[in-house]
Amino acid sequence: MAAASAGRGIRRPRHPQAGVSAGRGIRRPGYPQAGVSAGRGIRRPGYPPAGVSAGRGIRRPGYPPAGAYPVDDLVQAGPPGDLLPGLALPVPLMLVLELLGVPQQDSPQLCAWTDTAFSMTRHSQEEIKAARGHLEEYVAGMIGERRERPGDDLLGALVAERDEGGRLTEKELIGFAFLLLTAGYLSTVNAISSGILTLLLHSAELDRLRARPELVPTAVEELPRYNPSAISGALPRVALEDVDLGGVTVRAGEAVVPAIGSANHDASVFHAPERVDVAREANSHLAFGYGVHRCLGAQMARMELQVAVATLLRRLPTIRLAVPEHELRWKDHPVSRGLLSLPVTW
């Protein structure tokens, strides 16, 4: 859905709506060939790539570290509590808003619009369309503000590339900023909540992390492998010619959807893939994509996951689920799997 919503306004005229390269003979018509990045060449010299430095230098003086204040509120309120608004949402949301230079006080309205815009059945098509329109209007307004008052945040850099470098059209600029603002935090919220749920359901591995917190970096790779928030490719890939994949022939004109969740449990790649192992070393998972289509914010997401898990171990060492697993409610999205809430106690 991220690709679909961002595509409104950034798809070139006369190009059919569909996808990216997915191996020899399979390509979504109208999108760049493998190796041709849509964002290639738009970074200003000296501006750090997304995710590099793990957030170093992006925090304003006096601004709280991600994960500090939200979990304080959760702990002070006492058990039981919802870990989604208590930790999983604020950590990535605060950082993305900071990177883009978006006022923190706008976050409740932005979250409400985003939740509606990326839903499938919980809202009507009219409500979804209206929410996306509000988000695009908001982004356009922020872009206008950067033109009047240039800033050194990521949005300001994108506006400069559009106005000074001419490498982006106005519609591409709005679409790019829209995607960064929404998917930039939404996917990580899902990854954090799903990852923490995995630990709560595998108490032996959670105890292992408590005893050896130095395993947090490897755990952060294992959790999205075992329980990925992105469970499939965003759009179908259409075969341009007959292609053999895994012993199955995909005929020219037929569509396929990559099953990321299944790939992350491939026994030919991962030892005992059905088992959670927070110390797993050989972990070439696809939770963040692969190749030229790898997630732009993968390093930032890793940092946020590490912050969330380490904060959880430190501040809520006796945490456990407050409801049976079957009572948990999930978002209605065919591509990105995420919880609506994560009730916990301690």
Protein backbone atom coordinates (compact mmCIF):
# COMPACT_ATOMS: atom_id res chain seq x y z
CA MET A 1 0.00 0.00 0.00
CA ALA A 2 2.92 2.35 0.64
CA ALA A 3 3.98 2.05 -2.97
CA ALA A 4 0.44 2.50 -4.20
CA SER A 5 -0.29 5.61 -2.17
CA ALA A 6 3.08 7.18 -2.88
CA GLY A 7 2.61 6.40 -6.54
CA ARG A 8 -0.26 8.86 -6.73
CA GLY A 9 1.40 11.91 -8.18
CA ILE A 10 4.84 10.42 -8.89
CA ARG A 11 4.07 7.97 -11.72
CA ARG A 12 5.17 9.29 -15.09
CA PRO A 13 2.48 10.00 -17.70
CA ARG A 14 1.67 7.16 -20.14
CA HIS A 15 3.28 4.57 -17.88
CA PRO A 16 1.04 1.71 -16.79
CA GLN A 17 0.50 1.16 -13.08
CA ALA A 18 2.50 -1.84 -11.85
CA GLY A 19 6.10 -2.60 -10.64
CA VAL A 20 9.85 -3.33 -10.09
CA SER A 21 12.26 -5.86 -11.39
CA ALA A 22 12.02 -9.30 -9.82
CA GLY A 23 14.49 -11.40 -11.72
CA ARG A 24 15.05 -12.15 -15.38
CA GLY A 25 11.89 -11.67 -17.39
CA ILE A 26 9.72 -10.37 -14.54
CA ARG A 27 9.23 -6.66 -14.24
CA ARG A 28 6.49 -4.26 -13.26
CA PRO A 29 6.03 -2.20 -16.45
CA GLY A 30 6.82 1.48 -16.22
CA TYR A 31 9.18 1.36 -13.26
CA PRO A 32 12.99 1.58 -13.34
CA GLN A 33 14.97 -1.44 -14.45
CA ALA A 34 17.05 -3.18 -11.82
CA GLY A 35 19.98 -0.96 -10.95
CA VAL A 36 18.15 2.28 -11.77
CA SER A 37 17.17 3.88 -8.52
CA ALA A 38 14.36 6.41 -8.50
CA GLY A 39 16.27 8.42 -5.89
CA ARG A 40 19.67 8.18 -7.57
CA GLY A 41 21.44 11.48 -7.86
CA ILE A 42 19.15 13.56 -5.68
CA ARG A 43 21.35 13.65 -2.58
CA ARG A 44 23.26 16.85 -2.01
CA PRO A 45 27.02 16.48 -1.45
CA GLY A 46 27.75 16.19 2.25
CA TYR A 47 24.19 15.22 3.18
CA PRO A 48 24.28 11.83 4.94
CA PRO A 49 22.47 8.91 3.32
CA ALA A 50 19.32 7.73 5.09
CA GLY A 51 20.20 5.69 8.15
CA VAL A 52 23.91 6.55 8.21
CA SER A 53 25.26 7.71 11.58
CA ALA A 54 22.24 6.08 13.26
CA GLY A 55 20.70 9.44 13.97
CA ARG A 56 23.91 11.13 15.03
CA GLY A 57 23.61 14.88 14.86
CA ILE A 58 19.90 15.02 14.07
CA ARG A 59 18.62 15.69 17.57
CA ARG A 60 18.02 19.28 18.61
CA PRO A 61 19.56 20.40 21.92
CA GLY A 62 17.22 19.45 24.75
CA TYR A 63 15.18 17.06 22.62
CA PRO A 64 14.63 13.75 24.48
CA PRO A 65 16.28 10.61 23.12
CA ALA A 66 13.85 8.39 21.26
CA GLY A 67 12.09 6.03 23.67
CA ALA A 68 12.89 8.00 26.83
CA TYR A 69 9.72 9.91 27.62
CA PRO A 70 7.11 7.53 26.16
CA VAL A 71 8.12 4.54 28.26
CA ASP A 72 8.36 6.82 31.32
CA ASP A 73 4.67 7.63 30.89
CA LEU A 74 3.83 3.94 30.49
CA VAL A 75 5.75 2.94 33.63
CA GLN A 76 4.35 5.80 35.71
CA ALA A 77 0.77 4.92 34.71
CA GLY A 78 1.35 1.40 35.99
CA PRO A 79 0.19 -1.96 34.66
CA PRO A 80 -1.58 -3.00 32.57
CA GLY A 81 -0.74 -0.84 29.58
CA ASP A 82 -0.65 -0.75 25.80
CA LEU A 83 2.90 -1.01 24.49
CA LEU A 84 1.90 0.30 21.06
CA PRO A 85 1.30 3.95 22.07
CA GLY A 86 3.58 3.46 25.07
CA LEU A 87 6.75 2.58 23.14
CA ALA A 88 6.35 1.09 19.64
CA LEU A 89 4.74 4.18 18.08
CA PRO A 90 6.61 7.09 19.73
CA VAL A 91 10.14 5.78 19.06
CA PRO A 92 10.00 5.86 15.21
CA LEU A 93 7.43 8.66 15.00
CA MET A 94 9.51 11.12 17.02
CA LEU A 95 12.60 10.41 14.92
CA VAL A 96 10.89 10.66 11.53
CA LEU A 97 9.22 13.94 12.45
CA GLU A 98 12.58 15.22 13.65
CA LEU A 99 14.33 14.19 10.44
CA LEU A 100 11.72 15.89 8.26
CA GLY A 101 11.34 18.93 10.49
CA VAL A 102 7.64 18.31 11.15
CA PRO A 103 6.21 19.89 14.34
CA GLN A 104 5.65 17.30 17.06
CA GLN A 105 2.28 18.82 17.94
CA ASP A 106 0.96 17.77 14.53
CA SER A 107 1.65 14.07 15.18
CA PRO A 108 -1.84 13.07 16.51
CA GLN A 109 -3.58 14.34 13.38
CA LEU A 110 -0.92 12.92 11.06
CA CYS A 111 -1.19 9.51 12.75
CA ALA A 112 -4.98 9.54 12.42
CA TRP A 113 -4.78 10.37 8.71
CA THR A 114 -2.08 7.76 8.12
CA ASP A 115 -3.99 5.04 9.96
CA THR A 116 -7.02 5.70 7.76
CA ALA A 117 -5.04 6.10 4.54
CA PHE A 118 -3.30 2.74 4.93
CA SER A 119 -6.32 0.72 6.06
CA MET A 120 -8.24 -1.71 3.86
CA THR A 121 -11.61 -2.48 5.44
CA ARG A 122 -11.83 -0.45 8.66
CA HIS A 123 -12.67 2.69 6.69
CA SER A 124 -14.70 3.47 3.58
CA GLN A 125 -13.01 4.24 0.26
CA GLU A 126 -14.20 7.84 0.61
CA GLU A 127 -12.55 8.14 4.04
CA ILE A 128 -9.32 6.57 2.75
CA LYS A 129 -9.23 8.91 -0.24
CA ALA A 130 -9.94 11.93 1.96
CA ALA A 131 -7.18 10.96 4.44
CA ARG A 132 -4.63 10.62 1.66
CA GLY A 133 -5.72 13.96 0.29
CA HIS A 134 -5.23 15.59 3.70
CA LEU A 135 -1.76 14.07 3.98
CA GLU A 136 -0.75 15.29 0.52
CA GLU A 137 -2.07 18.77 1.32
CA TYR A 138 -0.13 18.77 4.57
CA VAL A 139 3.06 17.71 2.80
CA ALA A 140 2.55 20.35 0.13
CA GLY A 141 2.12 22.96 2.85
CA MET A 142 5.35 21.88 4.56
CA ILE A 143 7.15 22.09 1.23
CA GLY A 144 5.83 25.63 0.78
CA GLU A 145 7.13 26.55 4.22
CA ARG A 146 10.60 25.21 3.36
CA ARG A 147 10.65 27.44 0.29
CA GLU A 148 9.80 30.48 2.40
CA ARG A 149 12.08 29.50 5.28
CA PRO A 150 14.75 27.00 4.11
CA GLY A 151 15.89 24.51 6.75
CA ASP A 152 18.65 21.95 7.15
CA ASP A 153 16.32 18.98 7.69
CA LEU A 154 15.66 16.19 5.20
CA LEU A 155 12.57 17.86 3.74
CA GLY A 156 14.55 21.03 3.21
CA ALA A 157 17.21 19.03 1.37
CA LEU A 158 14.59 17.47 -0.93
CA VAL A 159 13.07 20.88 -1.67
CA ALA A 160 16.54 22.21 -2.55
CA GLU A 161 17.06 19.29 -4.92
CA ARG A 162 13.78 20.10 -6.64
CA ASP A 163 14.34 23.85 -6.87
CA GLU A 164 18.11 24.01 -7.36
CA GLY A 165 18.97 20.69 -8.95
CA GLY A 166 15.82 20.10 -10.97
CA ARG A 167 16.11 16.33 -10.43
CA LEU A 168 12.57 15.99 -9.05
CA THR A 169 9.25 17.17 -10.44
CA GLU A 170 6.87 18.84 -8.01
CA LYS A 171 4.63 15.76 -7.98
CA GLU A 172 7.64 13.50 -7.35
CA LEU A 173 8.73 15.74 -4.48
CA ILE A 174 5.29 15.55 -2.85
CA GLY A 175 5.10 11.80 -3.40
CA PHE A 176 8.58 11.20 -1.99
CA ALA A 177 7.89 13.34 1.10
CA PHE A 178 4.51 11.61 1.55
CA LEU A 179 6.20 8.21 1.56
CA LEU A 180 8.92 9.29 4.00
CA LEU A 181 6.40 10.84 6.39
CA THR A 182 4.02 7.86 6.48
CA ALA A 183 5.92 4.65 5.70
CA GLY A 184 8.95 6.18 7.45
CA TYR A 185 7.40 5.43 10.82
CA LEU A 186 4.47 3.10 10.16
CA SER A 187 6.54 0.11 9.03
CA THR A 188 8.86 0.45 12.03
CA VAL A 189 5.93 0.63 14.45
CA ASN A 190 4.79 -2.71 13.03
CA ALA A 191 8.30 -4.17 13.26
CA ILE A 192 8.76 -3.06 16.89
CA SER A 193 5.38 -4.33 18.09
CA SER A 194 5.67 -7.62 16.18
CA GLY A 195 9.24 -8.11 17.41
CA ILE A 196 8.35 -7.50 21.03
CA LEU A 197 5.36 -9.83 20.71
CA THR A 198 7.70 -12.53 19.38
CA LEU A 199 9.88 -12.15 22.48
CA LEU A 200 6.88 -12.28 24.80
CA LEU A 201 5.73 -15.50 23.13
CA HIS A 202 9.22 -17.05 23.40
CA SER A 203 10.07 -16.50 27.04
CA ALA A 204 13.30 -18.51 26.93
CA GLU A 205 14.75 -16.16 24.31
CA LEU A 206 13.51 -13.14 26.25
CA ASP A 207 15.25 -14.48 29.37
CA ARG A 208 18.35 -15.01 27.25
CA LEU A 209 18.31 -11.37 26.23
CA ARG A 210 17.79 -10.23 29.80
CA ALA A 211 20.86 -12.21 30.84
CA ARG A 212 22.91 -11.12 27.81
CA PRO A 213 21.80 -7.67 26.61
CA GLU A 214 24.82 -7.57 24.30
CA LEU A 215 22.75 -9.84 22.03
CA VAL A 216 20.28 -7.03 21.23
CA PRO A 217 21.88 -6.27 17.80
CA THR A 218 21.57 -9.89 16.63
CA ALA A 219 18.09 -10.12 18.16
CA VAL A 220 17.05 -7.10 16.12
CA GLU A 221 17.98 -9.05 12.97
CA GLU A 222 16.25 -12.23 14.12
CA LEU A 223 12.92 -10.73 15.18
CA PRO A 224 11.95 -9.29 11.75
CA ARG A 225 13.22 -12.47 10.10
CA TYR A 226 11.00 -14.69 12.21
CA ASN A 227 7.97 -12.39 12.26
CA PRO A 228 8.33 -9.81 9.45
CA SER A 229 6.02 -6.84 9.29
CA ALA A 230 6.30 -6.88 5.47
CA ILE A 231 4.81 -10.25 4.57
CA SER A 232 4.65 -9.88 0.79
CA GLY A 233 5.62 -7.61 -2.09
CA ALA A 234 3.52 -4.48 -2.43
CA LEU A 235 2.37 -5.12 -5.99
CA PRO A 236 2.24 -8.13 -8.32
CA ARG A 237 5.17 -8.72 -10.69
CA VAL A 238 4.16 -9.61 -14.25
CA ALA A 239 6.25 -12.08 -16.27
CA LEU A 240 7.34 -10.67 -19.63
CA GLU A 241 8.36 -14.15 -20.76
CA ASP A 242 8.11 -17.71 -19.43
CA VAL A 243 10.26 -17.99 -16.27
CA ASP A 244 11.05 -21.03 -14.10
CA LEU A 245 10.95 -20.20 -10.38
CA GLY A 246 11.40 -22.95 -7.81
CA GLY A 247 10.38 -25.66 -10.22
CA VAL A 248 7.23 -23.80 -11.28
CA THR A 249 6.83 -22.15 -14.68
CA VAL A 250 5.40 -18.65 -14.59
CA ARG A 251 3.95 -17.98 -18.02
CA ALA A 252 4.33 -14.68 -19.83
CA GLY A 253 1.56 -12.36 -18.71
CA GLU A 254 0.99 -14.13 -15.39
CA ALA A 255 1.42 -12.25 -12.12
CA VAL A 256 3.30 -13.31 -8.99
CA VAL A 257 3.56 -11.79 -5.52
CA PRO A 258 6.81 -12.46 -3.60
CA ALA A 259 6.19 -14.06 -0.20
CA ILE A 260 8.78 -12.33 1.97
CA GLY A 261 7.61 -14.12 5.10
CA SER A 262 8.09 -17.50 3.44
CA ALA A 263 11.54 -16.57 2.12
CA ASN A 264 12.65 -15.67 5.65
CA HIS A 265 11.80 -19.23 6.72
CA ASP A 266 13.65 -20.96 3.89
CA ALA A 267 15.35 -24.04 5.37
CA SER A 268 17.96 -24.00 2.59
CA VAL A 269 19.16 -20.60 3.86
CA PHE A 270 18.44 -20.59 7.60
CA HIS A 271 19.29 -23.30 10.11
CA ALA A 272 16.15 -24.30 12.04
CA PRO A 273 14.15 -21.39 10.56
CA GLU A 274 11.07 -22.22 12.66
CA ARG A 275 13.03 -21.43 15.83
CA VAL A 276 13.65 -17.97 17.30
CA ASP A 277 17.37 -17.55 18.01
CA VAL A 278 18.36 -14.11 19.31
CA ALA A 279 22.03 -15.05 18.83
CA ARG A 280 21.64 -16.16 15.18
CA GLU A 281 24.71 -15.02 13.24
CA ALA A 282 24.10 -16.08 9.62
CA ASN A 283 20.95 -14.08 9.04
CA SER A 284 20.54 -12.87 5.46
CA HIS A 285 16.83 -12.14 5.86
CA LEU A 286 14.73 -10.07 3.46
CA ALA A 287 12.78 -8.07 6.03
CA PHE A 288 14.26 -4.85 4.61
CA GLY A 289 14.17 -5.92 0.97
CA TYR A 290 17.14 -6.60 -1.28
CA GLY A 291 19.36 -4.93 -3.86
CA VAL A 292 18.34 -1.61 -5.40
CA HIS A 293 14.93 -1.97 -3.78
CA ARG A 294 16.29 -2.35 -0.26
CA CYS A 295 14.50 -0.21 2.33
CA LEU A 296 15.92 3.30 2.30
CA GLY A 297 15.59 3.54 6.09
CA ALA A 298 16.86 0.07 7.00
CA GLN A 299 19.69 1.33 9.19
CA MET A 300 17.43 3.80 10.97
CA ALA A 301 14.86 1.04 11.56
CA ARG A 302 17.57 -1.18 13.07
CA MET A 303 18.57 1.62 15.42
CA GLU A 304 14.96 2.19 16.47
CA LEU A 305 14.44 -1.53 17.08
CA GLN A 306 17.57 -1.65 19.22
CA VAL A 307 16.39 1.37 21.23
CA ALA A 308 12.95 -0.17 21.78
CA VAL A 309 14.20 -3.63 22.79
CA ALA A 310 16.98 -2.29 25.04
CA THR A 311 14.55 0.13 26.70
CA LEU A 312 12.09 -2.70 27.27
CA LEU A 313 14.72 -4.91 28.92
CA ARG A 314 15.89 -2.09 31.14
CA ARG A 315 12.62 -0.46 32.18
CA LEU A 316 10.16 -3.38 32.10
CA PRO A 317 12.21 -6.48 33.03
CA THR A 318 9.13 -8.50 34.12
CA ILE A 319 6.93 -7.62 31.13
CA ARG A 320 4.44 -10.20 29.83
CA LEU A 321 1.27 -10.29 27.72
CA ALA A 322 -1.85 -9.07 29.51
CA VAL A 323 -4.24 -11.01 27.26
CA PRO A 324 -4.18 -14.43 25.56
CA GLU A 325 -2.49 -14.38 22.16
CA HIS A 326 -5.74 -15.17 20.33
CA GLU A 327 -7.30 -11.94 21.63
CA LEU A 328 -4.71 -9.73 19.93
CA ARG A 329 -6.10 -7.67 17.05
CA TRP A 330 -4.22 -7.08 13.80
CA LYS A 331 -4.42 -4.39 11.14
CA ASP A 332 -6.33 -5.21 7.95
CA HIS A 333 -3.49 -4.89 5.46
CA PRO A 334 -2.41 -7.49 2.88
CA VAL A 335 1.21 -6.35 2.67
CA SER A 336 2.32 -5.03 6.06
CA ARG A 337 1.40 -6.97 9.20
CA GLY A 338 0.94 -4.95 12.35
CA LEU A 339 -0.88 -5.01 15.69
CA LEU A 340 -3.69 -2.60 16.56
CA SER A 341 -2.66 -2.82 20.22
CA LEU A 342 -0.24 -4.76 22.43
CA PRO A 343 -1.67 -5.10 25.96
CA VAL A 344 1.06 -5.92 28.49
CA THR A 345 1.54 -6.09 32.21
CA TRP A 346 4.56 -6.34 34.51
